[in-house]
PDB file of N, CA and C in Angstrom:
ATOM      1  N   MET A   1     -17.643  98.504  13.214  1.00  0.00           N
ATOM      2  CA  MET A   1     -18.301  98.380  11.940  1.00  0.00           C
ATOM      3  C   MET A   1     -19.203  99.598  11.775  1.00  0.00           C
ATOM      4  N   LEU A   2     -18.878 100.453  10.824  1.00  0.00           N
ATOM      5  CA  LEU A   2     -19.647 101.654  10.583  1.00  0.00           C
ATOM      6  C   LEU A   2     -20.652 101.390   9.479  1.00  0.00           C
ATOM      7  N   LEU A   3     -21.929 101.619   9.748  1.00  0.00           N
ATOM      8  CA  LEU A   3     -22.980 101.376   8.763  1.00  0.00           C
ATOM      9  C   LEU A   3     -23.373 102.661   8.080  1.00  0.00           C
ATOM     10  N   THR A   4     -23.731 102.567   6.827  1.00  0.00           N
ATOM     11  CA  THR A   4     -24.233 103.702   6.077  1.00  0.00           C
ATOM     12  C   THR A   4     -25.703 103.462   5.779  1.00  0.00           C
ATOM     13  N   PRO A   5     -26.460 104.530   5.455  1.00  0.00           N
ATOM     14  CA  PRO A   5     -27.882 104.325   5.137  1.00  0.00           C
ATOM     15  C   PRO A   5     -28.111 103.379   3.955  1.00  0.00           C
ATOM     16  N   GLN A   6     -27.103 103.161   3.127  1.00  0.00           N
ATOM     17  CA  GLN A   6     -27.270 102.261   1.992  1.00  0.00           C
ATOM     18  C   GLN A   6     -27.271 100.797   2.417  1.00  0.00           C
ATOM     19  N   GLN A   7     -26.716 100.488   3.568  1.00  0.00           N
ATOM     20  CA  GLN A   7     -26.698  99.111   4.027  1.00  0.00           C
ATOM     21  C   GLN A   7     -28.045  98.770   4.643  1.00  0.00           C
ATOM     22  N   ASP A   8     -28.503  97.550   4.423  1.00  0.00           N
ATOM     23  CA  ASP A   8     -29.866  97.211   4.800  1.00  0.00           C
ATOM     24  C   ASP A   8     -30.004  96.373   6.055  1.00  0.00           C
ATOM     25  N   GLY A   9     -28.977  96.192   6.814  1.00  0.00           N
ATOM     26  CA  GLY A   9     -29.080  95.471   8.067  1.00  0.00           C
ATOM     27  C   GLY A   9     -28.663  94.021   8.003  1.00  0.00           C
ATOM     28  N   GLN A  10     -28.371  93.500   6.827  1.00  0.00           N
ATOM     29  CA  GLN A  10     -27.996  92.087   6.720  1.00  0.00           C
ATOM     30  C   GLN A  10     -26.684  91.802   7.443  1.00  0.00           C
ATOM     31  N   ILE A  11     -25.745  92.732   7.390  1.00  0.00           N
ATOM     32  CA  ILE A  11     -24.460  92.528   8.071  1.00  0.00           C
ATOM     33  C   ILE A  11     -24.692  92.377   9.568  1.00  0.00           C
ATOM     34  N   LEU A  12     -25.468  93.292  10.157  1.00  0.00           N
ATOM     35  CA  LEU A  12     -25.755  93.204  11.587  1.00  0.00           C
ATOM     36  C   LEU A  12     -26.571  91.968  11.924  1.00  0.00           C
ATOM     37  N   ALA A  13     -27.582  91.673  11.114  1.00  0.00           N
ATOM     38  CA  ALA A  13     -28.468  90.548  11.396  1.00  0.00           C
ATOM     39  C   ALA A  13     -27.750  89.214  11.330  1.00  0.00           C
ATOM     40  N   SER A  14     -26.640  89.152  10.595  1.00  0.00           N
ATOM     41  CA  SER A  14     -25.884  87.907  10.533  1.00  0.00           C
ATOM     42  C   SER A  14     -25.154  87.628  11.846  1.00  0.00           C
ATOM     43  N   LYS A  15     -25.002  88.654  12.695  1.00  0.00           N
ATOM     44  CA  LYS A  15     -24.264  88.499  13.947  1.00  0.00           C
ATOM     45  C   LYS A  15     -25.129  88.717  15.189  1.00  0.00           C
ATOM     46  N   PHE A  16     -26.184  89.542  15.073  1.00  0.00           N
ATOM     47  CA  PHE A  16     -26.966  89.934  16.237  1.00  0.00           C
ATOM     48  C   PHE A  16     -28.458  89.803  15.957  1.00  0.00           C
ATOM     49  N   LYS A  17     -29.260  89.646  17.006  1.00  0.00           N
ATOM     50  CA  LYS A  17     -30.718  89.576  16.894  1.00  0.00           C
ATOM     51  C   LYS A  17     -31.371  90.944  17.091  1.00  0.00           C
ATOM     52  N   CYS A  18     -30.703  91.826  17.839  1.00  0.00           N
ATOM     53  CA  CYS A  18     -31.279  93.121  18.189  1.00  0.00           C
ATOM     54  C   CYS A  18     -30.190  94.189  18.146  1.00  0.00           C
ATOM     55  N   LEU A  19     -30.547  95.367  17.684  1.00  0.00           N
ATOM     56  CA  LEU A  19     -29.644  96.512  17.663  1.00  0.00           C
ATOM     57  C   LEU A  19     -30.208  97.560  18.603  1.00  0.00           C
ATOM     58  N   ILE A  20     -29.420  97.952  19.600  1.00  0.00           N
ATOM     59  CA  ILE A  20     -29.850  98.971  20.555  1.00  0.00           C
ATOM     60  C   ILE A  20     -29.056 100.234  20.266  1.00  0.00           C
ATOM     61  N   MET A  21     -29.779 101.332  19.998  1.00  0.00           N
ATOM     62  CA  MET A  21     -29.125 102.599  19.661  1.00  0.00           C
ATOM     63  C   MET A  21     -29.597 103.691  20.603  1.00  0.00           C
ATOM     64  N   ASP A  22     -28.768 104.738  20.707  1.00  0.00           N
ATOM     65  CA  ASP A  22     -29.205 105.898  21.474  1.00  0.00           C
ATOM     66  C   ASP A  22     -30.129 106.740  20.600  1.00  0.00           C
ATOM     67  N   ASN A  23     -30.586 107.838  21.123  1.00  0.00           N
ATOM     68  CA  ASN A  23     -31.580 108.655  20.440  1.00  0.00           C
ATOM     69  C   ASN A  23     -30.979 109.784  19.610  1.00  0.00           C
ATOM     70  N   ALA A  24     -29.770 109.613  19.141  1.00  0.00           N
ATOM     71  CA  ALA A  24     -29.167 110.626  18.276  1.00  0.00           C
ATOM     72  C   ALA A  24     -30.033 110.803  17.026  1.00  0.00           C
ATOM     73  N   SER A  25     -30.144 112.032  16.571  1.00  0.00           N
ATOM     74  CA  SER A  25     -31.027 112.303  15.428  1.00  0.00           C
ATOM     75  C   SER A  25     -30.598 111.531  14.187  1.00  0.00           C
ATOM     76  N   ILE A  26     -29.318 111.271  14.039  1.00  0.00           N
ATOM     77  CA  ILE A  26     -28.849 110.520  12.873  1.00  0.00           C
ATOM     78  C   ILE A  26     -29.398 109.093  12.859  1.00  0.00           C
ATOM     79  N   HIS A  27     -29.750 108.567  14.019  1.00  0.00           N
ATOM     80  CA  HIS A  27     -30.299 107.212  14.107  1.00  0.00           C
ATOM     81  C   HIS A  27     -31.790 107.159  13.804  1.00  0.00           C
ATOM     82  N   LYS A  28     -32.420 108.307  13.640  1.00  0.00           N
ATOM     83  CA  LYS A  28     -33.867 108.369  13.453  1.00  0.00           C
ATOM     84  C   LYS A  28     -34.289 108.533  11.987  1.00  0.00           C
ATOM     85  N   ASP A  29     -33.359 108.442  11.056  1.00  0.00           N
ATOM     86  CA  ASP A  29     -33.684 108.558   9.642  1.00  0.00           C
ATOM     87  C   ASP A  29     -34.656 107.441   9.242  1.00  0.00           C
ATOM     88  N   ASP A  30     -35.820 107.810   8.709  1.00  0.00           N
ATOM     89  CA  ASP A  30     -36.880 106.837   8.418  1.00  0.00           C
ATOM     90  C   ASP A  30     -36.441 105.758   7.433  1.00  0.00           C
ATOM     91  N   LEU A  31     -35.782 106.152   6.358  1.00  0.00           N
ATOM     92  CA  LEU A  31     -35.356 105.175   5.353  1.00  0.00           C
ATOM     93  C   LEU A  31     -34.313 104.217   5.930  1.00  0.00           C
ATOM     94  N   TYR A  32     -33.377 104.754   6.690  1.00  0.00           N
ATOM     95  CA  TYR A  32     -32.338 103.947   7.334  1.00  0.00           C
ATOM     96  C   TYR A  32     -32.971 102.921   8.280  1.00  0.00           C
ATOM     97  N   LEU A  33     -33.906 103.377   9.115  1.00  0.00           N
ATOM     98  CA  LEU A  33     -34.575 102.473  10.049  1.00  0.00           C
ATOM     99  C   LEU A  33     -35.396 101.417   9.324  1.00  0.00           C
ATOM    100  N   LEU A  34     -36.074 101.821   8.270  1.00  0.00           N
ATOM    101  CA  LEU A  34     -36.882 100.873   7.509  1.00  0.00           C
ATOM    102  C   LEU A  34     -36.016  99.749   6.948  1.00  0.00           C
ATOM    103  N   LYS A  35     -34.862 100.110   6.395  1.00  0.00           N
ATOM    104  CA  LYS A  35     -33.959  99.097   5.841  1.00  0.00           C
ATOM    105  C   LYS A  35     -33.406  98.192   6.934  1.00  0.00           C
ATOM    106  N   LEU A  36     -33.019  98.781   8.063  1.00  0.00           N
ATOM    107  CA  LEU A  36     -32.499  97.972   9.166  1.00  0.00           C
ATOM    108  C   LEU A  36     -33.551  97.014   9.699  1.00  0.00           C
ATOM    109  N   GLU A  37     -34.766  97.524   9.895  1.00  0.00           N
ATOM    110  CA  GLU A  37     -35.819  96.729  10.523  1.00  0.00           C
ATOM    111  C   GLU A  37     -36.330  95.600   9.646  1.00  0.00           C
ATOM    112  N   LEU A  38     -35.932  95.573   8.387  1.00  0.00           N
ATOM    113  CA  LEU A  38     -36.261  94.429   7.545  1.00  0.00           C
ATOM    114  C   LEU A  38     -35.513  93.181   7.996  1.00  0.00           C
ATOM    115  N   HIS A  39     -34.373  93.379   8.683  1.00  0.00           N
ATOM    116  CA  HIS A  39     -33.487  92.267   9.015  1.00  0.00           C
ATOM    117  C   HIS A  39     -33.191  92.100  10.496  1.00  0.00           C
ATOM    118  N   ILE A  40     -33.349  93.151  11.265  1.00  0.00           N
ATOM    119  CA  ILE A  40     -32.938  93.098  12.670  1.00  0.00           C
ATOM    120  C   ILE A  40     -33.897  93.944  13.504  1.00  0.00           C
ATOM    121  N   HIS A  41     -34.148  93.520  14.733  1.00  0.00           N
ATOM    122  CA  HIS A  41     -35.017  94.271  15.640  1.00  0.00           C
ATOM    123  C   HIS A  41     -34.239  95.476  16.168  1.00  0.00           C
ATOM    124  N   VAL A  42     -34.797  96.674  16.008  1.00  0.00           N
ATOM    125  CA  VAL A  42     -34.141  97.904  16.447  1.00  0.00           C
ATOM    126  C   VAL A  42     -34.865  98.445  17.676  1.00  0.00           C
ATOM    127  N   MET A  43     -34.091  98.743  18.705  1.00  0.00           N
ATOM    128  CA  MET A  43     -34.639  99.345  19.921  1.00  0.00           C
ATOM    129  C   MET A  43     -33.802 100.579  20.258  1.00  0.00           C
ATOM    130  N   PHE A  44     -34.437 101.543  20.909  1.00  0.00           N
ATOM    131  CA  PHE A  44     -33.737 102.752  21.339  1.00  0.00           C
ATOM    132  C   PHE A  44     -33.704 102.798  22.852  1.00  0.00           C
ATOM    133  N   ILE A  45     -32.548 103.242  23.411  1.00  0.00           N
ATOM    134  CA  ILE A  45     -32.508 103.421  24.859  1.00  0.00           C
ATOM    135  C   ILE A  45     -33.349 104.655  25.178  1.00  0.00           C
ATOM    136  N   PRO A  46     -33.935 104.707  26.360  1.00  0.00           N
ATOM    137  CA  PRO A  46     -34.761 105.863  26.716  1.00  0.00           C
ATOM    138  C   PRO A  46     -33.936 107.158  26.729  1.00  0.00           C
ATOM    139  N   PRO A  47     -34.573 108.295  26.462  1.00  0.00           N
ATOM    140  CA  PRO A  47     -33.852 109.581  26.506  1.00  0.00           C
ATOM    141  C   PRO A  47     -33.247 109.831  27.882  1.00  0.00           C
ATOM    142  N   TYR A  48     -32.103 110.471  27.897  1.00  0.00           N
ATOM    143  CA  TYR A  48     -31.406 110.877  29.116  1.00  0.00           C
ATOM    144  C   TYR A  48     -30.969 109.705  29.988  1.00  0.00           C
ATOM    145  N   CYS A  49     -30.799 108.551  29.408  1.00  0.00           N
ATOM    146  CA  CYS A  49     -30.313 107.375  30.157  1.00  0.00           C
ATOM    147  C   CYS A  49     -28.868 107.093  29.762  1.00  0.00           C
ATOM    148  N   TYR A  50     -28.003 108.060  29.986  1.00  0.00           N
ATOM    149  CA  TYR A  50     -26.597 107.921  29.632  1.00  0.00           C
ATOM    150  C   TYR A  50     -25.968 106.694  30.262  1.00  0.00           C
ATOM    151  N   TYR A  51     -26.465 106.268  31.393  1.00  0.00           N
ATOM    152  CA  TYR A  51     -25.887 105.125  32.103  1.00  0.00           C
ATOM    153  C   TYR A  51     -26.139 103.811  31.369  1.00  0.00           C
ATOM    154  N   LEU A  52     -27.001 103.800  30.354  1.00  0.00           N
ATOM    155  CA  LEU A  52     -27.253 102.589  29.582  1.00  0.00           C
ATOM    156  C   LEU A  52     -26.366 102.478  28.349  1.00  0.00           C
ATOM    157  N   SER A  53     -25.591 103.493  28.067  1.00  0.00           N
ATOM    158  CA  SER A  53     -24.784 103.517  26.848  1.00  0.00           C
ATOM    159  C   SER A  53     -23.316 103.198  27.131  1.00  0.00           C
ATOM    160  N   PRO A  54     -22.772 102.142  26.498  1.00  0.00           N
ATOM    161  CA  PRO A  54     -21.352 101.830  26.691  1.00  0.00           C
ATOM    162  C   PRO A  54     -20.454 102.984  26.259  1.00  0.00           C
ATOM    163  N   LEU A  55     -20.901 103.760  25.261  1.00  0.00           N
ATOM    164  CA  LEU A  55     -20.115 104.896  24.805  1.00  0.00           C
ATOM    165  C   LEU A  55     -19.989 105.936  25.913  1.00  0.00           C
ATOM    166  N   ASP A  56     -21.082 106.181  26.625  1.00  0.00           N
ATOM    167  CA  ASP A  56     -21.069 107.149  27.720  1.00  0.00           C
ATOM    168  C   ASP A  56     -20.424 106.587  28.977  1.00  0.00           C
ATOM    169  N   ASN A  57     -20.205 105.309  29.036  1.00  0.00           N
ATOM    170  CA  ASN A  57     -19.606 104.671  30.210  1.00  0.00           C
ATOM    171  C   ASN A  57     -18.146 104.297  29.984  1.00  0.00           C
ATOM    172  N   GLY A  58     -17.448 105.135  29.261  1.00  0.00           N
ATOM    173  CA  GLY A  58     -16.011 104.941  29.085  1.00  0.00           C
ATOM    174  C   GLY A  58     -15.564 104.796  27.654  1.00  0.00           C
ATOM    175  N   GLY A  59     -16.418 104.297  26.778  1.00  0.00           N
ATOM    176  CA  GLY A  59     -16.029 104.068  25.383  1.00  0.00           C
ATOM    177  C   GLY A  59     -15.656 105.347  24.650  1.00  0.00           C
ATOM    178  N   PHE A  60     -16.378 106.436  24.903  1.00  0.00           N
ATOM    179  CA  PHE A  60     -16.098 107.704  24.239  1.00  0.00           C
ATOM    180  C   PHE A  60     -14.702 108.199  24.612  1.00  0.00           C
ATOM    181  N   GLY A  61     -14.367 108.108  25.883  1.00  0.00           N
ATOM    182  CA  GLY A  61     -13.046 108.551  26.331  1.00  0.00           C
ATOM    183  C   GLY A  61     -11.930 107.720  25.726  1.00  0.00           C
ATOM    184  N   LEU A  62     -12.129 106.402  25.658  1.00  0.00           N
ATOM    185  CA  LEU A  62     -11.105 105.532  25.070  1.00  0.00           C
ATOM    186  C   LEU A  62     -10.892 105.858  23.591  1.00  0.00           C
ATOM    187  N   ALA A  63     -11.980 106.041  22.858  1.00  0.00           N
ATOM    188  CA  ALA A  63     -11.871 106.362  21.434  1.00  0.00           C
ATOM    189  C   ALA A  63     -11.267 107.747  21.235  1.00  0.00           C
ATOM    190  N   THR A  64     -11.669 108.704  22.057  1.00  0.00           N
ATOM    191  CA  THR A  64     -11.147 110.067  21.936  1.00  0.00           C
ATOM    192  C   THR A  64      -9.648 110.111  22.193  1.00  0.00           C
ATOM    193  N   ARG A  65      -9.202 109.435  23.239  1.00  0.00           N
ATOM    194  CA  ARG A  65      -7.762 109.421  23.538  1.00  0.00           C
ATOM    195  C   ARG A  65      -6.970 108.783  22.400  1.00  0.00           C
ATOM    196  N   PHE A  66      -7.510 107.719  21.787  1.00  0.00           N
ATOM    197  CA  PHE A  66      -6.838 107.094  20.643  1.00  0.00           C
ATOM    198  C   PHE A  66      -6.714 108.094  19.496  1.00  0.00           C
ATOM    199  N   LEU A  67      -7.801 108.789  19.179  1.00  0.00           N
ATOM    200  CA  LEU A  67      -7.775 109.731  18.053  1.00  0.00           C
ATOM    201  C   LEU A  67      -6.850 110.914  18.319  1.00  0.00           C
ATOM    202  N   ILE A  68      -6.814 111.396  19.550  1.00  0.00           N
ATOM    203  CA  ILE A  68      -5.911 112.493  19.889  1.00  0.00           C
ATOM    204  C   ILE A  68      -4.459 112.052  19.749  1.00  0.00           C
ATOM    205  N   SER A  69      -4.152 110.860  20.219  1.00  0.00           N
ATOM    206  CA  SER A  69      -2.762 110.394  20.160  1.00  0.00           C
ATOM    207  C   SER A  69      -2.340 109.962  18.754  1.00  0.00           C
ATOM    208  N   ASN A  70      -3.296 109.729  17.870  1.00  0.00           N
ATOM    209  CA  ASN A  70      -2.977 109.317  16.495  1.00  0.00           C
ATOM    210  C   ASN A  70      -3.511 110.313  15.467  1.00  0.00           C
ATOM    211  N   ASN A  71      -3.625 111.588  15.869  1.00  0.00           N
ATOM    212  CA  ASN A  71      -4.245 112.571  14.985  1.00  0.00           C
ATOM    213  C   ASN A  71      -3.483 112.787  13.683  1.00  0.00           C
ATOM    214  N   GLU A  72      -2.168 112.681  13.696  1.00  0.00           N
ATOM    215  CA  GLU A  72      -1.409 112.878  12.455  1.00  0.00           C
ATOM    216  C   GLU A  72      -1.725 111.786  11.428  1.00  0.00           C
ATOM    217  N   THR A  73      -1.990 110.586  11.899  1.00  0.00           N
ATOM    218  CA  THR A  73      -2.302 109.475  11.008  1.00  0.00           C
ATOM    219  C   THR A  73      -3.695 109.600  10.422  1.00  0.00           C
ATOM    220  N   TYR A  74      -4.667 109.953  11.243  1.00  0.00           N
ATOM    221  CA  TYR A  74      -6.065 109.897  10.813  1.00  0.00           C
ATOM    222  C   TYR A  74      -6.671 111.233  10.387  1.00  0.00           C
ATOM    223  N   ALA A  75      -5.943 112.342  10.574  1.00  0.00           N
ATOM    224  CA  ALA A  75      -6.491 113.662  10.233  1.00  0.00           C
ATOM    225  C   ALA A  75      -6.780 113.810   8.741  1.00  0.00           C
ATOM    226  N   GLN A  76      -6.010 113.146   7.904  1.00  0.00           N
ATOM    227  CA  GLN A  76      -6.180 113.285   6.459  1.00  0.00           C
ATOM    228  C   GLN A  76      -7.024 112.177   5.841  1.00  0.00           C
ATOM    229  N   LEU A  77      -7.490 111.250   6.655  1.00  0.00           N
ATOM    230  CA  LEU A  77      -8.292 110.124   6.163  1.00  0.00           C
ATOM    231  C   LEU A  77      -9.777 110.398   6.397  1.00  0.00           C
ATOM    232  N   PRO A  78     -10.645 109.655   5.721  1.00  0.00           N
ATOM    233  CA  PRO A  78     -12.085 109.811   5.989  1.00  0.00           C
ATOM    234  C   PRO A  78     -12.401 109.511   7.459  1.00  0.00           C
ATOM    235  N   MET A  79     -13.446 110.149   7.948  1.00  0.00           N
ATOM    236  CA  MET A  79     -13.810 110.021   9.360  1.00  0.00           C
ATOM    237  C   MET A  79     -14.011 108.565   9.773  1.00  0.00           C
ATOM    238  N   HIS A  80     -14.629 107.765   8.907  1.00  0.00           N
ATOM    239  CA  HIS A  80     -14.909 106.378   9.300  1.00  0.00           C
ATOM    240  C   HIS A  80     -13.634 105.582   9.513  1.00  0.00           C
ATOM    241  N   ALA A  81     -12.549 105.941   8.828  1.00  0.00           N
ATOM    242  CA  ALA A  81     -11.278 105.224   9.031  1.00  0.00           C
ATOM    243  C   ALA A  81     -10.761 105.444  10.447  1.00  0.00           C
ATOM    244  N   GLY A  82     -10.808 106.684  10.922  1.00  0.00           N
ATOM    245  CA  GLY A  82     -10.363 106.984  12.280  1.00  0.00           C
ATOM    246  C   GLY A  82     -11.256 106.363  13.331  1.00  0.00           C
ATOM    247  N   LEU A  83     -12.583 106.427  13.116  1.00  0.00           N
ATOM    248  CA  LEU A  83     -13.510 105.846  14.087  1.00  0.00           C
ATOM    249  C   LEU A  83     -13.378 104.327  14.148  1.00  0.00           C
ATOM    250  N   ASP A  84     -13.261 103.679  12.990  1.00  0.00           N
ATOM    251  CA  ASP A  84     -13.064 102.227  12.982  1.00  0.00           C
ATOM    252  C   ASP A  84     -11.800 101.848  13.744  1.00  0.00           C
ATOM    253  N   ALA A  85     -10.715 102.579  13.483  1.00  0.00           N
ATOM    254  CA  ALA A  85      -9.455 102.291  14.169  1.00  0.00           C
ATOM    255  C   ALA A  85      -9.579 102.542  15.671  1.00  0.00           C
ATOM    256  N   ALA A  86     -10.242 103.622  16.039  1.00  0.00           N
ATOM    257  CA  ALA A  86     -10.387 103.958  17.463  1.00  0.00           C
ATOM    258  C   ALA A  86     -11.183 102.891  18.200  1.00  0.00           C
ATOM    259  N   PHE A  87     -12.307 102.480  17.624  1.00  0.00           N
ATOM    260  CA  PHE A  87     -13.141 101.497  18.320  1.00  0.00           C
ATOM    261  C   PHE A  87     -12.510 100.104  18.321  1.00  0.00           C
ATOM    262  N   THR A  88     -11.797  99.749  17.271  1.00  0.00           N
ATOM    263  CA  THR A  88     -11.147  98.435  17.278  1.00  0.00           C
ATOM    264  C   THR A  88      -9.895  98.428  18.150  1.00  0.00           C
ATOM    265  N   SER A  89      -9.415  99.598  18.534  1.00  0.00           N
ATOM    266  CA  SER A  89      -8.246  99.644  19.423  1.00  0.00           C
ATOM    267  C   SER A  89      -8.615  99.333  20.872  1.00  0.00           C
ATOM    268  N   VAL A  90      -9.912  99.380  21.192  1.00  0.00           N
ATOM    269  CA  VAL A  90     -10.373  99.075  22.553  1.00  0.00           C
ATOM    270  C   VAL A  90     -10.533  97.561  22.659  1.00  0.00           C
ATOM    271  N   HIS A  91      -9.688  96.948  23.466  1.00  0.00           N
ATOM    272  CA  HIS A  91      -9.666  95.495  23.533  1.00  0.00           C
ATOM    273  C   HIS A  91     -10.153  94.968  24.879  1.00  0.00           C
ATOM    274  N   GLY A  92     -10.546  93.722  24.863  1.00  0.00           N
ATOM    275  CA  GLY A  92     -10.791  92.903  26.030  1.00  0.00           C
ATOM    276  C   GLY A  92     -11.421  93.550  27.232  1.00  0.00           C
ATOM    277  N   ALA A  93     -10.653  93.632  28.286  1.00  0.00           N
ATOM    278  CA  ALA A  93     -11.176  94.090  29.581  1.00  0.00           C
ATOM    279  C   ALA A  93     -11.696  95.517  29.509  1.00  0.00           C
ATOM    280  N   ALA A  94     -11.053  96.374  28.717  1.00  0.00           N
ATOM    281  CA  ALA A  94     -11.511  97.765  28.610  1.00  0.00           C
ATOM    282  C   ALA A  94     -12.890  97.819  27.973  1.00  0.00           C
ATOM    283  N   ALA A  95     -13.112  97.076  26.905  1.00  0.00           N
ATOM    284  CA  ALA A  95     -14.420  97.054  26.245  1.00  0.00           C
ATOM    285  C   ALA A  95     -15.472  96.443  27.164  1.00  0.00           C
ATOM    286  N   ARG A  96     -15.125  95.353  27.839  1.00  0.00           N
ATOM    287  CA  ARG A  96     -16.078  94.729  28.757  1.00  0.00           C
ATOM    288  C   ARG A  96     -16.455  95.677  29.884  1.00  0.00           C
ATOM    289  N   SER A  97     -15.507  96.482  30.337  1.00  0.00           N
ATOM    290  CA  SER A  97     -15.775  97.428  31.411  1.00  0.00           C
ATOM    291  C   SER A  97     -16.809  98.467  30.978  1.00  0.00           C
ATOM    292  N   CYS A  98     -16.734  98.934  29.731  1.00  0.00           N
ATOM    293  CA  CYS A  98     -17.702  99.924  29.233  1.00  0.00           C
ATOM    294  C   CYS A  98     -19.109  99.350  29.270  1.00  0.00           C
ATOM    295  N   PHE A  99     -19.253  98.072  28.917  1.00  0.00           N
ATOM    296  CA  PHE A  99     -20.564  97.432  28.946  1.00  0.00           C
ATOM    297  C   PHE A  99     -20.968  97.084  30.375  1.00  0.00           C
ATOM    298  N   HIS A 100     -20.012  96.654  31.181  1.00  0.00           N
ATOM    299  CA  HIS A 100     -20.312  96.267  32.555  1.00  0.00           C
ATOM    300  C   HIS A 100     -20.826  97.477  33.354  1.00  0.00           C
ATOM    301  N   ASN A 101     -20.271  98.650  33.082  1.00  0.00           N
ATOM    302  CA  ASN A 101     -20.693  99.859  33.806  1.00  0.00           C
ATOM    303  C   ASN A 101     -22.157 100.189  33.556  1.00  0.00           C
ATOM    304  N   CYS A 102     -22.714  99.747  32.434  1.00  0.00           N
ATOM    305  CA  CYS A 102     -24.142 100.002  32.186  1.00  0.00           C
ATOM    306  C   CYS A 102     -24.964  98.751  32.436  1.00  0.00           C
ATOM    307  N   ASN A 103     -24.377  97.798  33.157  1.00  0.00           N
ATOM    308  CA  ASN A 103     -25.056  96.592  33.624  1.00  0.00           C
ATOM    309  C   ASN A 103     -25.501  95.660  32.499  1.00  0.00           C
ATOM    310  N   TYR A 104     -24.795  95.663  31.381  1.00  0.00           N
ATOM    311  CA  TYR A 104     -25.037  94.659  30.344  1.00  0.00           C
ATOM    312  C   TYR A 104     -24.238  93.415  30.712  1.00  0.00           C
ATOM    313  N   HIS A 105     -24.835  92.293  30.618  1.00  0.00           N
ATOM    314  CA  HIS A 105     -24.143  91.028  30.928  1.00  0.00           C
ATOM    315  C   HIS A 105     -24.142  90.156  29.692  1.00  0.00           C
ATOM    316  N   PHE A 106     -22.969  89.651  29.339  1.00  0.00           N
ATOM    317  CA  PHE A 106     -22.847  88.804  28.148  1.00  0.00           C
ATOM    318  C   PHE A 106     -21.827  87.719  28.418  1.00  0.00           C
TER     319      PHE A 106
END
């Protein structure tokens, strides 16, 4: 689920109590955070803690390999279409492994 700054956090808040994000500059937009925090608790992982991010613990590689192998399909589409497809292509045990590697338990 790709969020835009126009969305106010209701979609996330309907499913989750807390949103944990990395410290990418795009996540630090004041207006975006203000809208999100109206509905959901936002926390940031500490800087340089790559081991806490599921993306850095295998998710990035899984999504990248999907996009490389399907580049003809997604090269002409908007970026969010390719990213949505890449992340939804990671199923079950593979997705759990990305979270398990950073010691998240669910």
